[in-house]
Amino acid sequence: MRLKEVREEKGLSQKDVAEKIGVNRVTLSNIENGKRKLDAVTLYKLSKLYNVDPYKLMDYKEPETVKFAYRDKDNITVEAKNKLKIIEKYINKIIELENL
């Protein structure tokens, strides 16, 4: 993933980003270092904060498709779930096109 690289390009600290997206700094560090999975909501928030497409934050060498884990699937609204599914389809289509 390119999360740390993009954050540093934007001149932001982990503390700043964590506060803006509503996660603990240690959680953000673990996501950036691959010790914790990136959920779709956090990916969406980071892409908005950094003003980049979500696929640009990800490294698509493996796997060939993306399937998001819903951190709080019991409390997510239907509208939010639908938006996340659209993002998931969008990312998978980009992966498919890049592999042509």
Protein backbone atom coordinates (compact mmCIF):
# COMPACT_ATOMS: atom_id res chain seq x y z
CA MET A 1 0.00 0.00 0.00
CA ARG A 2 1.07 3.54 -0.63
CA LEU A 3 -0.64 5.03 2.40
CA LYS A 4 2.48 6.25 4.18
CA GLU A 5 4.02 7.57 0.97
CA VAL A 6 0.91 9.60 0.08
CA ARG A 7 0.53 10.89 3.64
CA GLU A 8 4.12 12.11 3.63
CA GLU A 9 3.70 13.68 0.16
CA LYS A 10 0.78 15.66 1.61
CA GLY A 11 2.98 16.81 4.52
CA LEU A 12 0.75 15.26 7.18
CA SER A 13 1.75 13.46 10.36
CA GLN A 14 0.16 10.21 11.51
CA LYS A 15 -1.33 12.11 14.44
CA ASP A 16 -2.97 14.68 12.13
CA VAL A 17 -4.42 12.04 9.81
CA ALA A 18 -5.60 9.80 12.65
CA GLU A 19 -7.49 12.69 14.24
CA LYS A 20 -9.07 13.75 10.94
CA ILE A 21 -10.35 10.27 10.06
CA GLY A 22 -11.31 9.27 13.62
CA VAL A 23 -8.85 6.47 14.38
CA ASN A 24 -6.08 6.02 16.91
CA ARG A 25 -2.57 6.95 15.71
CA VAL A 26 -1.33 3.44 16.51
CA THR A 27 -4.15 2.00 14.38
CA LEU A 28 -3.10 4.19 11.45
CA SER A 29 0.53 3.17 11.93
CA ASN A 30 -0.45 -0.51 11.91
CA ILE A 31 -2.48 -0.03 8.71
CA GLU A 32 0.40 1.78 7.01
CA ASN A 33 2.83 -0.97 8.04
CA GLY A 34 0.54 -3.82 6.96
CA LYS A 35 -0.04 -5.08 10.50
CA ARG A 36 -3.76 -4.31 10.30
CA LYS A 37 -6.18 -4.67 7.41
CA LEU A 38 -7.53 -1.55 5.78
CA ASP A 39 -11.32 -1.49 5.86
CA ALA A 40 -13.40 0.21 3.18
CA VAL A 41 -14.57 3.07 5.41
CA THR A 42 -11.01 4.01 6.35
CA LEU A 43 -9.91 3.73 2.71
CA TYR A 44 -12.74 6.07 1.72
CA LYS A 45 -11.85 8.60 4.44
CA LEU A 46 -8.16 8.54 3.50
CA SER A 47 -8.88 8.96 -0.19
CA LYS A 48 -11.08 11.98 0.57
CA LEU A 49 -8.54 13.49 2.97
CA TYR A 50 -5.66 13.03 0.52
CA ASN A 51 -7.83 13.95 -2.47
CA VAL A 52 -6.79 10.87 -4.45
CA ASP A 53 -8.69 7.93 -5.92
CA PRO A 54 -8.81 4.97 -3.53
CA TYR A 55 -7.01 2.67 -5.97
CA LYS A 56 -3.97 4.97 -5.88
CA LEU A 57 -3.56 4.22 -2.18
CA MET A 58 -3.44 0.48 -2.74
CA ASP A 59 -0.82 -1.88 -4.13
CA TYR A 60 -2.50 -4.32 -6.51
CA LYS A 61 0.22 -6.84 -7.17
CA GLU A 62 -1.74 -9.35 -5.06
CA PRO A 63 -4.53 -10.25 -4.70
CA GLU A 64 -6.12 -10.03 -8.12
CA THR A 65 -9.35 -8.68 -6.63
CA VAL A 66 -10.29 -6.64 -3.59
CA LYS A 67 -12.84 -7.64 -0.99
CA PHE A 68 -13.36 -5.16 1.83
CA ALA A 69 -13.82 -6.15 5.45
CA TYR A 70 -16.56 -4.22 7.19
CA ARG A 71 -15.25 -3.16 10.58
CA ASP A 72 -18.69 -2.51 12.06
CA LYS A 73 -21.01 -4.33 9.68
CA ASP A 74 -23.95 -4.41 12.10
CA ASN A 75 -24.05 -0.62 12.42
CA ILE A 76 -23.36 0.43 8.85
CA THR A 77 -26.25 1.96 6.94
CA VAL A 78 -27.59 0.41 3.75
CA GLU A 79 -26.62 3.57 1.86
CA ALA A 80 -23.03 3.38 3.14
CA LYS A 81 -22.84 -0.33 2.30
CA ASN A 82 -24.03 0.38 -1.23
CA LYS A 83 -21.43 3.14 -1.67
CA LEU A 84 -18.70 0.80 -0.42
CA LYS A 85 -19.82 -1.89 -2.86
CA ILE A 86 -19.54 0.64 -5.69
CA ILE A 87 -15.99 1.52 -4.59
CA GLU A 88 -15.13 -2.18 -4.39
CA LYS A 89 -16.43 -2.78 -7.93
CA TYR A 90 -14.56 0.30 -9.18
CA ILE A 91 -11.27 -0.89 -7.70
CA ASN A 92 -11.73 -4.41 -9.05
CA LYS A 93 -12.46 -3.03 -12.53
CA ILE A 94 -9.26 -0.99 -12.41
CA ILE A 95 -7.33 -4.11 -11.38
CA GLU A 96 -8.88 -6.00 -14.28
CA LEU A 97 -7.95 -3.25 -16.76
CA GLU A 98 -4.39 -3.02 -15.45
CA ASN A 99 -3.95 -6.76 -15.95
CA LEU A 100 -4.88 -6.68 -19.67
